[in-house]
């Protein structure tokens, strides 16, 4: 038998943001009228380069927590 593969923790750009901005992203994701692009644009305006795809992947991982 081969060595058992373990799942590694996924880290994203959102995880690197300050906690207050992470909470802001979580609040924005809870609002279905706000798009991933709008969230990414808002973060870029605040000086954090985050792509729409990063927001989408974060949303998928947080799906059970929201």
Protein backbone atom coordinates (compact mmCIF):
# COMPACT_ATOMS: atom_id res chain seq x y z
CA UNK A 1 0.00 0.00 0.00
CA UNK A 2 1.13 3.54 -0.76
CA UNK A 3 1.40 6.40 1.63
CA UNK A 4 -1.98 7.89 2.60
CA UNK A 5 -2.42 11.33 1.05
CA UNK A 6 -3.57 14.02 3.43
CA UNK A 7 -5.55 17.05 2.40
CA UNK A 8 -3.65 20.29 2.88
CA UNK A 9 -5.24 23.49 4.13
CA UNK A 10 -6.12 25.81 1.29
CA UNK A 11 -4.99 29.39 1.73
CA UNK A 12 -6.31 32.20 -0.43
CA UNK A 13 -5.78 35.92 -0.87
CA UNK A 14 -8.89 36.51 1.23
CA UNK A 15 -7.27 34.61 4.12
CA UNK A 16 -4.37 37.10 3.98
CA UNK A 17 -6.66 40.12 4.42
CA UNK A 18 -7.08 41.84 7.80
CA UNK A 19 -9.90 40.32 9.87
CA UNK A 20 -12.19 43.32 9.42
CA UNK A 21 -12.00 42.95 5.64
CA UNK A 22 -12.54 39.19 5.85
CA UNK A 23 -15.71 39.91 7.82
CA UNK A 24 -16.74 42.48 5.20
CA UNK A 25 -16.30 39.86 2.46
CA UNK A 26 -18.42 37.38 4.45
CA UNK A 27 -21.17 39.99 4.84
CA UNK A 28 -21.04 40.86 1.14
CA UNK A 29 -21.21 37.17 0.20
CA UNK A 30 -24.35 36.75 2.30
CA UNK A 31 -26.06 39.38 0.12
CA UNK A 32 -27.11 37.63 -3.10
CA UNK A 33 -27.43 40.97 -4.91
CA UNK A 34 -23.67 41.62 -4.76
CA UNK A 35 -21.46 39.92 -7.36
CA UNK A 36 -18.01 38.46 -6.84
CA UNK A 37 -16.68 41.14 -9.19
CA UNK A 38 -18.19 43.91 -7.06
CA UNK A 39 -16.56 42.45 -3.96
CA UNK A 40 -13.20 42.16 -5.75
CA UNK A 41 -13.53 45.76 -7.00
CA UNK A 42 -14.30 47.03 -3.50
CA UNK A 43 -11.22 45.27 -2.11
CA UNK A 44 -9.08 46.71 -4.93
CA UNK A 45 -10.35 50.20 -4.07
CA UNK A 46 -9.12 49.57 -0.52
CA UNK A 47 -5.67 48.64 -1.86
CA UNK A 48 -5.90 44.83 -1.87
CA UNK A 49 -5.52 43.09 -5.22
CA UNK A 50 -8.03 40.25 -5.15
CA UNK A 51 -9.54 38.67 -8.25
CA UNK A 52 -13.14 37.72 -8.87
CA UNK A 53 -11.99 34.10 -9.03
CA UNK A 54 -10.38 34.34 -5.59
CA UNK A 55 -13.64 35.64 -4.15
CA UNK A 56 -15.54 32.82 -5.85
CA UNK A 57 -13.22 30.09 -4.56
CA UNK A 58 -13.38 31.57 -1.06
CA UNK A 59 -17.19 31.63 -1.28
CA UNK A 60 -17.28 27.94 -2.25
CA UNK A 61 -15.03 26.99 0.69
CA UNK A 62 -17.11 29.08 3.11
CA UNK A 63 -20.40 27.70 1.77
CA UNK A 64 -21.06 25.55 4.82
CA UNK A 65 -20.21 28.36 7.23
CA UNK A 66 -22.50 31.00 5.73
